[in-house]
């Protein structure tokens, strides 16, 4: 066996292990972040409910929820062969839509949504366009 090949195999294995440990660390960081998010926001909701008055507990929920969503992006895998790889956790999502009220309880909408990172993270940017139709029913 060639010594150089054995070293290359050992180096490749060490690099793979380092990468796996890093990914596990990122995912554990996300899970801890999610747990703290849920516990703190439940506490804020309970405090807001016990004090009465104006509801304010949803404001930290929205702001922190955005941070959690961005953290989830960093815990994910961007370059996949089985799904669309946007190449970034920051995406632009413009939407165009038109709708009409059919009756007091029913409305319809048609929309177009484009998702991509606008080539901020390099040339890879397949993007995706989504055409949709919604039927809304007021309960």
N, C-alpha and C. Protein backbone atom coordinates (compact mmCIF):
# COMPACT_ATOMS: atom_id res chain seq x y z
N UNK A 1 0.84 -1.17 0.00
CA UNK A 1 0.00 0.00 0.00
C UNK A 1 0.89 1.24 0.00
N UNK A 2 0.52 2.20 -0.78
CA UNK A 2 1.26 3.44 -0.88
C UNK A 2 1.02 4.29 0.38
N UNK A 3 2.10 4.80 1.00
CA UNK A 3 1.99 5.61 2.21
C UNK A 3 1.22 6.90 1.93
N UNK A 4 1.47 7.46 0.78
CA UNK A 4 0.80 8.72 0.42
C UNK A 4 -0.71 8.52 0.34
N UNK A 5 -1.16 7.41 -0.24
CA UNK A 5 -2.59 7.12 -0.32
C UNK A 5 -3.18 6.92 1.07
N UNK A 6 -2.45 6.21 1.94
CA UNK A 6 -2.93 5.99 3.30
C UNK A 6 -3.07 7.32 4.03
N UNK A 7 -2.13 8.24 3.85
CA UNK A 7 -2.20 9.55 4.48
C UNK A 7 -3.39 10.33 3.92
N UNK A 8 -3.58 10.24 2.62
CA UNK A 8 -4.70 10.95 2.00
C UNK A 8 -6.02 10.40 2.52
N UNK A 9 -6.12 9.08 2.65
CA UNK A 9 -7.33 8.47 3.20
C UNK A 9 -7.55 8.91 4.65
N UNK A 10 -6.48 8.94 5.43
CA UNK A 10 -6.59 9.36 6.82
C UNK A 10 -6.98 10.83 6.91
N UNK A 11 -6.39 11.65 6.05
CA UNK A 11 -6.74 13.08 6.04
C UNK A 11 -8.19 13.28 5.62
N UNK A 12 -8.62 12.50 4.63
CA UNK A 12 -10.00 12.61 4.17
C UNK A 12 -10.97 12.20 5.27
N UNK A 13 -10.62 11.14 5.99
CA UNK A 13 -11.47 10.69 7.09
C UNK A 13 -11.52 11.73 8.20
N UNK A 14 -10.38 12.33 8.52
CA UNK A 14 -10.33 13.38 9.55
C UNK A 14 -11.14 14.60 9.13
N UNK A 15 -11.05 14.98 7.86
CA UNK A 15 -11.82 16.12 7.37
C UNK A 15 -13.32 15.83 7.43
N UNK A 16 -13.69 14.60 7.08
CA UNK A 16 -15.09 14.21 7.13
C UNK A 16 -15.61 14.24 8.57
N UNK A 17 -14.82 13.75 9.50
CA UNK A 17 -15.22 13.76 10.91
C UNK A 17 -15.35 15.20 11.42
N UNK A 18 -14.42 16.07 11.05
CA UNK A 18 -14.48 17.47 11.47
C UNK A 18 -15.75 18.12 10.94
N UNK A 19 -16.06 17.84 9.68
CA UNK A 19 -17.27 18.39 9.08
C UNK A 19 -18.53 17.87 9.76
N UNK A 20 -18.55 16.59 10.08
CA UNK A 20 -19.71 15.99 10.75
C UNK A 20 -19.89 16.59 12.14
N UNK A 21 -18.79 16.77 12.87
CA UNK A 21 -18.88 17.37 14.21
C UNK A 21 -19.41 18.80 14.13
N UNK A 22 -18.96 19.53 13.13
CA UNK A 22 -19.43 20.91 12.96
C UNK A 22 -20.92 20.95 12.68
N UNK A 23 -21.39 20.06 11.80
CA UNK A 23 -22.82 20.02 11.48
C UNK A 23 -23.66 19.63 12.69
N UNK A 24 -23.17 18.68 13.47
CA UNK A 24 -23.89 18.29 14.69
C UNK A 24 -23.94 19.47 15.66
N UNK A 25 -22.83 20.20 15.77
CA UNK A 25 -22.80 21.38 16.64
C UNK A 25 -23.79 22.45 16.19
N UNK A 26 -23.87 22.68 14.89
CA UNK A 26 -24.82 23.66 14.35
C UNK A 26 -26.25 23.23 14.62
N UNK A 27 -26.54 21.96 14.39
CA UNK A 27 -27.90 21.47 14.63
C UNK A 27 -28.26 21.51 16.11
N UNK A 28 -27.33 21.15 16.99
CA UNK A 28 -27.59 21.22 18.42
C UNK A 28 -27.82 22.67 18.85
N UNK A 29 -27.06 23.58 18.28
CA UNK A 29 -27.26 25.00 18.57
C UNK A 29 -28.66 25.44 18.18
N UNK A 30 -29.13 24.98 17.02
CA UNK A 30 -30.48 25.32 16.58
C UNK A 30 -31.52 24.74 17.53
N UNK A 31 -31.37 23.46 17.93
CA UNK A 31 -32.35 22.83 18.82
C UNK A 31 -32.40 23.54 20.18
N UNK A 32 -31.25 23.93 20.69
CA UNK A 32 -31.22 24.67 21.96
C UNK A 32 -31.91 26.03 21.77
N UNK A 33 -31.62 26.71 20.68
CA UNK A 33 -32.25 27.99 20.37
C UNK A 33 -33.77 27.82 20.30
N UNK A 34 -34.24 26.77 19.64
CA UNK A 34 -35.68 26.53 19.51
C UNK A 34 -36.32 26.26 20.87
N UNK A 35 -35.65 25.49 21.71
CA UNK A 35 -36.18 25.19 23.04
C UNK A 35 -36.29 26.46 23.88
N UNK A 36 -35.26 27.27 23.88
CA UNK A 36 -35.28 28.53 24.64
C UNK A 36 -36.37 29.45 24.09
N UNK A 37 -36.50 29.50 22.76
CA UNK A 37 -37.55 30.30 22.11
C UNK A 37 -38.93 29.91 22.63
N UNK A 38 -39.23 28.62 22.65
CA UNK A 38 -40.54 28.14 23.09
C UNK A 38 -40.75 28.45 24.57
N UNK A 39 -39.78 28.14 25.42
CA UNK A 39 -39.93 28.34 26.86
C UNK A 39 -40.09 29.82 27.22
N UNK A 40 -39.24 30.66 26.67
CA UNK A 40 -39.31 32.09 26.98
C UNK A 40 -40.61 32.69 26.47
N UNK A 41 -41.03 32.34 25.26
CA UNK A 41 -42.27 32.91 24.73
C UNK A 41 -43.50 32.39 25.46
N UNK A 42 -43.47 31.16 25.95
CA UNK A 42 -44.56 30.68 26.80
C UNK A 42 -44.61 31.49 28.09
N UNK A 43 -43.44 31.75 28.68
CA UNK A 43 -43.37 32.57 29.89
C UNK A 43 -43.87 33.98 29.65
N UNK A 44 -43.49 34.59 28.53
CA UNK A 44 -43.97 35.94 28.21
C UNK A 44 -45.48 35.96 28.00
N UNK A 45 -46.01 34.92 27.35
CA UNK A 45 -47.45 34.84 27.14
C UNK A 45 -48.17 34.70 28.48
N UNK A 46 -47.65 33.85 29.37
CA UNK A 46 -48.26 33.67 30.69
C UNK A 46 -48.21 34.98 31.48
N UNK A 47 -47.07 35.67 31.43
CA UNK A 47 -46.94 36.95 32.13
C UNK A 47 -47.92 37.97 31.57
N UNK A 48 -48.01 38.07 30.26
CA UNK A 48 -48.93 39.01 29.62
C UNK A 48 -50.37 38.69 29.97
N UNK A 49 -50.71 37.40 29.99
CA UNK A 49 -52.08 36.99 30.33
C UNK A 49 -52.40 37.30 31.78
N UNK A 50 -51.45 37.09 32.69
CA UNK A 50 -51.72 37.34 34.11
C UNK A 50 -51.81 38.83 34.43
N UNK A 51 -51.07 39.67 33.70
CA UNK A 51 -51.11 41.11 33.94
C UNK A 51 -52.33 41.76 33.31
N UNK A 52 -52.87 41.14 32.29
CA UNK A 52 -54.01 41.72 31.59
C UNK A 52 -53.58 42.92 30.75
N UNK A 53 -54.54 43.68 30.33
CA UNK A 53 -54.24 44.86 29.53
C UNK A 53 -53.97 44.50 28.08
N UNK A 54 -53.24 45.38 27.42
CA UNK A 54 -52.95 45.22 26.00
C UNK A 54 -52.05 44.02 25.76
N UNK A 55 -52.37 43.26 24.72
CA UNK A 55 -51.52 42.11 24.35
C UNK A 55 -50.22 42.61 23.73
N UNK A 56 -49.11 42.19 24.26
CA UNK A 56 -47.80 42.57 23.72
C UNK A 56 -46.90 41.37 23.51
N UNK A 57 -47.29 40.20 24.02
CA UNK A 57 -46.39 39.05 24.00
C UNK A 57 -46.12 38.52 22.59
N UNK A 58 -46.94 38.89 21.61
CA UNK A 58 -46.71 38.40 20.25
C UNK A 58 -45.59 39.15 19.54
N UNK A 59 -45.24 40.37 20.00
CA UNK A 59 -44.17 41.12 19.34
C UNK A 59 -42.80 40.44 19.46
N UNK A 60 -42.39 40.03 20.68
CA UNK A 60 -41.11 39.30 20.75
C UNK A 60 -41.16 37.96 20.01
N UNK A 61 -42.35 37.36 19.97
CA UNK A 61 -42.52 36.08 19.26
C UNK A 61 -42.20 36.25 17.78
N UNK A 62 -42.70 37.31 17.16
CA UNK A 62 -42.45 37.55 15.73
C UNK A 62 -40.99 37.85 15.47
N UNK A 63 -40.42 38.77 16.23
CA UNK A 63 -39.03 39.16 16.00
C UNK A 63 -38.06 38.01 16.21
N UNK A 64 -38.25 37.32 17.32
CA UNK A 64 -37.37 36.20 17.63
C UNK A 64 -37.63 35.04 16.67
N UNK A 65 -38.88 34.89 16.24
CA UNK A 65 -39.21 33.84 15.28
C UNK A 65 -38.45 34.02 13.97
N UNK A 66 -38.30 35.29 13.54
CA UNK A 66 -37.51 35.57 12.34
C UNK A 66 -36.05 35.14 12.55
N UNK A 67 -35.50 35.47 13.72
CA UNK A 67 -34.13 35.04 14.03
C UNK A 67 -33.99 33.53 14.05
N UNK A 68 -34.98 32.85 14.59
CA UNK A 68 -34.96 31.39 14.63
C UNK A 68 -35.04 30.81 13.22
N UNK A 69 -35.84 31.43 12.36
CA UNK A 69 -35.95 30.96 10.97
C UNK A 69 -34.62 31.12 10.25
N UNK A 70 -33.92 32.23 10.49
CA UNK A 70 -32.60 32.42 9.87
C UNK A 70 -31.61 31.42 10.43
N UNK A 71 -31.68 31.15 11.73
CA UNK A 71 -30.80 30.15 12.34
C UNK A 71 -31.07 28.78 11.74
N UNK A 72 -32.34 28.48 11.48
CA UNK A 72 -32.69 27.20 10.86
C UNK A 72 -32.04 27.07 9.49
N UNK A 73 -31.96 28.19 8.77
CA UNK A 73 -31.31 28.16 7.46
C UNK A 73 -29.85 27.79 7.57
N UNK A 74 -29.17 28.28 8.60
CA UNK A 74 -27.75 27.94 8.74
C UNK A 74 -27.56 26.51 9.20
N UNK A 75 -28.59 25.92 9.81
CA UNK A 75 -28.48 24.53 10.25
C UNK A 75 -28.81 23.57 9.12
N UNK A 76 -29.39 24.08 8.04
CA UNK A 76 -29.77 23.24 6.91
C UNK A 76 -28.62 23.01 5.96
N UNK A 77 -28.87 22.20 4.95
CA UNK A 77 -27.87 21.91 3.93
C UNK A 77 -28.29 22.62 2.66
N UNK A 78 -27.46 23.53 2.16
CA UNK A 78 -27.85 24.34 1.02
C UNK A 78 -27.73 23.60 -0.29
N UNK A 79 -26.69 22.81 -0.46
CA UNK A 79 -26.43 22.19 -1.75
C UNK A 79 -26.87 20.74 -1.71
N UNK A 80 -28.08 20.49 -2.21
CA UNK A 80 -28.65 19.15 -2.19
C UNK A 80 -28.99 18.75 -3.61
N UNK A 81 -28.92 17.46 -3.87
CA UNK A 81 -29.27 16.98 -5.21
C UNK A 81 -30.74 16.60 -5.30
N UNK A 82 -31.39 16.35 -4.14
CA UNK A 82 -32.78 15.92 -4.16
C UNK A 82 -33.78 17.06 -4.01
N UNK A 83 -33.30 18.29 -3.77
CA UNK A 83 -34.17 19.45 -3.62
C UNK A 83 -33.53 20.64 -4.31
N UNK A 84 -34.30 21.70 -4.51
CA UNK A 84 -33.74 22.91 -5.10
C UNK A 84 -32.75 23.52 -4.12
N UNK A 85 -31.56 23.81 -4.60
CA UNK A 85 -30.51 24.39 -3.75
C UNK A 85 -30.43 25.88 -4.06
N UNK A 86 -30.94 26.70 -3.16
CA UNK A 86 -30.89 28.14 -3.37
C UNK A 86 -29.51 28.71 -3.08
N UNK A 87 -28.69 28.01 -2.30
CA UNK A 87 -27.32 28.45 -2.06
C UNK A 87 -27.17 29.50 -1.00
N UNK A 88 -28.24 29.84 -0.30
CA UNK A 88 -28.17 30.89 0.71
C UNK A 88 -29.33 30.74 1.67
N UNK A 89 -29.14 31.20 2.90
CA UNK A 89 -30.26 31.21 3.83
C UNK A 89 -31.02 32.53 3.76
N UNK A 90 -30.49 33.52 3.04
CA UNK A 90 -31.18 34.79 2.81
C UNK A 90 -31.80 34.73 1.42
N UNK A 91 -33.11 34.78 1.36
CA UNK A 91 -33.81 34.68 0.09
C UNK A 91 -34.73 35.89 -0.10
N UNK A 92 -34.91 36.26 -1.35
CA UNK A 92 -35.87 37.29 -1.71
C UNK A 92 -37.10 36.57 -2.24
N UNK A 93 -38.26 37.07 -1.87
CA UNK A 93 -39.49 36.38 -2.25
C UNK A 93 -40.56 37.40 -2.65
N UNK A 94 -40.40 38.05 -3.81
CA UNK A 94 -41.45 38.98 -4.25
C UNK A 94 -42.70 38.21 -4.64
N UNK A 95 -43.85 38.81 -4.38
CA UNK A 95 -45.12 38.17 -4.71
C UNK A 95 -46.03 39.18 -5.37
N UNK A 96 -46.71 38.74 -6.39
CA UNK A 96 -47.73 39.54 -7.07
C UNK A 96 -49.03 38.76 -6.99
N UNK A 97 -50.09 39.42 -6.60
CA UNK A 97 -51.35 38.72 -6.49
C UNK A 97 -52.53 39.60 -6.82
N UNK A 98 -53.62 38.96 -7.16
CA UNK A 98 -54.87 39.67 -7.43
C UNK A 98 -55.99 38.81 -6.87
N UNK A 99 -56.98 39.48 -6.30
CA UNK A 99 -58.08 38.74 -5.70
C UNK A 99 -59.40 39.43 -5.89
N UNK A 100 -60.46 38.71 -5.59
CA UNK A 100 -61.81 39.26 -5.71
C UNK A 100 -62.69 38.66 -4.62
N UNK A 101 -63.57 39.49 -4.10
CA UNK A 101 -64.55 39.07 -3.11
C UNK A 101 -65.74 38.48 -3.87
N UNK A 102 -66.03 37.21 -3.67
CA UNK A 102 -67.13 36.55 -4.37
C UNK A 102 -68.44 36.77 -3.61
N UNK A 103 -68.38 36.65 -2.30
CA UNK A 103 -69.53 36.90 -1.44
C UNK A 103 -69.01 37.40 -0.09
N UNK A 104 -69.91 37.56 0.88
CA UNK A 104 -69.46 38.03 2.21
C UNK A 104 -68.45 37.07 2.83
N UNK A 105 -68.57 35.79 2.54
CA UNK A 105 -67.73 34.79 3.19
C UNK A 105 -66.68 34.17 2.28
N UNK A 106 -66.73 34.42 0.98
CA UNK A 106 -65.84 33.74 0.04
C UNK A 106 -65.07 34.76 -0.80
N UNK A 107 -63.77 34.52 -0.92
CA UNK A 107 -62.94 35.32 -1.83
C UNK A 107 -61.97 34.38 -2.53
N UNK A 108 -61.46 34.82 -3.67
CA UNK A 108 -60.49 34.02 -4.43
C UNK A 108 -59.28 34.90 -4.73
N UNK A 109 -58.13 34.25 -4.88
CA UNK A 109 -56.88 34.96 -5.17
C UNK A 109 -56.05 34.14 -6.14
N UNK A 110 -55.31 34.83 -6.99
CA UNK A 110 -54.31 34.20 -7.85
C UNK A 110 -52.99 34.91 -7.53
N UNK A 111 -51.89 34.16 -7.48
CA UNK A 111 -50.62 34.80 -7.11
C UNK A 111 -49.45 34.17 -7.86
N UNK A 112 -48.39 34.97 -7.97
CA UNK A 112 -47.10 34.53 -8.50
C UNK A 112 -46.05 34.88 -7.46
N UNK A 113 -45.20 33.92 -7.11
CA UNK A 113 -44.12 34.12 -6.14
C UNK A 113 -42.83 33.64 -6.77
N UNK A 114 -41.75 34.42 -6.63
CA UNK A 114 -40.42 34.02 -7.09
C UNK A 114 -39.52 33.97 -5.87
N UNK A 115 -38.76 32.89 -5.71
CA UNK A 115 -37.82 32.77 -4.61
C UNK A 115 -36.41 32.57 -5.16
N UNK A 116 -35.46 33.41 -4.70
CA UNK A 116 -34.06 33.26 -5.07
C UNK A 116 -33.22 34.10 -4.13
N UNK A 117 -31.90 33.98 -4.25
CA UNK A 117 -31.02 34.81 -3.42
C UNK A 117 -30.42 35.95 -4.24
N UNK A 118 -30.92 36.18 -5.44
CA UNK A 118 -30.52 37.31 -6.30
C UNK A 118 -29.02 37.34 -6.58
N UNK A 119 -28.40 36.19 -6.62
CA UNK A 119 -26.97 36.03 -6.89
C UNK A 119 -26.07 36.76 -5.89
N UNK A 120 -26.57 36.95 -4.66
CA UNK A 120 -25.75 37.56 -3.62
C UNK A 120 -24.71 36.58 -3.09
N UNK A 121 -24.97 35.30 -3.23
CA UNK A 121 -24.07 34.28 -2.71
C UNK A 121 -23.33 33.55 -3.81
N UNK A 122 -23.18 34.16 -4.96
CA UNK A 122 -22.45 33.52 -6.05
C UNK A 122 -23.34 33.33 -7.26
N UNK A 123 -22.81 32.67 -8.26
CA UNK A 123 -23.52 32.51 -9.52
C UNK A 123 -24.61 31.45 -9.46
N UNK A 124 -24.49 30.49 -8.56
CA UNK A 124 -25.51 29.45 -8.49
C UNK A 124 -26.80 30.08 -7.97
N UNK A 125 -27.82 30.11 -8.80
CA UNK A 125 -29.09 30.72 -8.40
C UNK A 125 -30.20 30.19 -9.28
N UNK A 126 -30.63 28.95 -9.08
CA UNK A 126 -31.68 28.43 -9.94
C UNK A 126 -33.01 29.15 -9.73
N UNK A 127 -33.30 29.60 -8.51
CA UNK A 127 -34.57 30.25 -8.23
C UNK A 127 -35.74 29.33 -8.51
N UNK A 128 -36.92 29.78 -8.16
CA UNK A 128 -38.13 29.00 -8.42
C UNK A 128 -39.29 29.98 -8.53
N UNK A 129 -40.18 29.72 -9.46
CA UNK A 129 -41.40 30.49 -9.61
C UNK A 129 -42.57 29.61 -9.20
N UNK A 130 -43.52 30.19 -8.51
CA UNK A 130 -44.67 29.45 -8.02
C UNK A 130 -45.93 30.22 -8.41
N UNK A 131 -46.82 29.57 -9.13
CA UNK A 131 -48.13 30.13 -9.44
C UNK A 131 -49.14 29.46 -8.53
N UNK A 132 -50.02 30.27 -7.95
CA UNK A 132 -50.95 29.69 -7.00
C UNK A 132 -52.35 30.25 -7.12
N UNK A 133 -53.29 29.51 -6.59
CA UNK A 133 -54.69 29.91 -6.53
C UNK A 133 -55.17 29.63 -5.12
N UNK A 134 -55.87 30.58 -4.52
CA UNK A 134 -56.38 30.41 -3.16
C UNK A 134 -57.88 30.64 -3.16
N UNK A 135 -58.56 29.81 -2.41
CA UNK A 135 -59.98 29.99 -2.14
C UNK A 135 -60.08 30.24 -0.65
N UNK A 136 -60.57 31.42 -0.26
CA UNK A 136 -60.66 31.79 1.15
C UNK A 136 -62.10 31.74 1.60
N UNK A 137 -62.32 31.11 2.75
CA UNK A 137 -63.64 30.99 3.32
C UNK A 137 -63.63 31.55 4.73
N UNK A 138 -64.42 32.57 4.98
CA UNK A 138 -64.51 33.17 6.31
C UNK A 138 -65.42 32.28 7.16
N UNK A 139 -64.91 31.84 8.29
CA UNK A 139 -65.69 30.96 9.17
C UNK A 139 -66.52 31.73 10.16
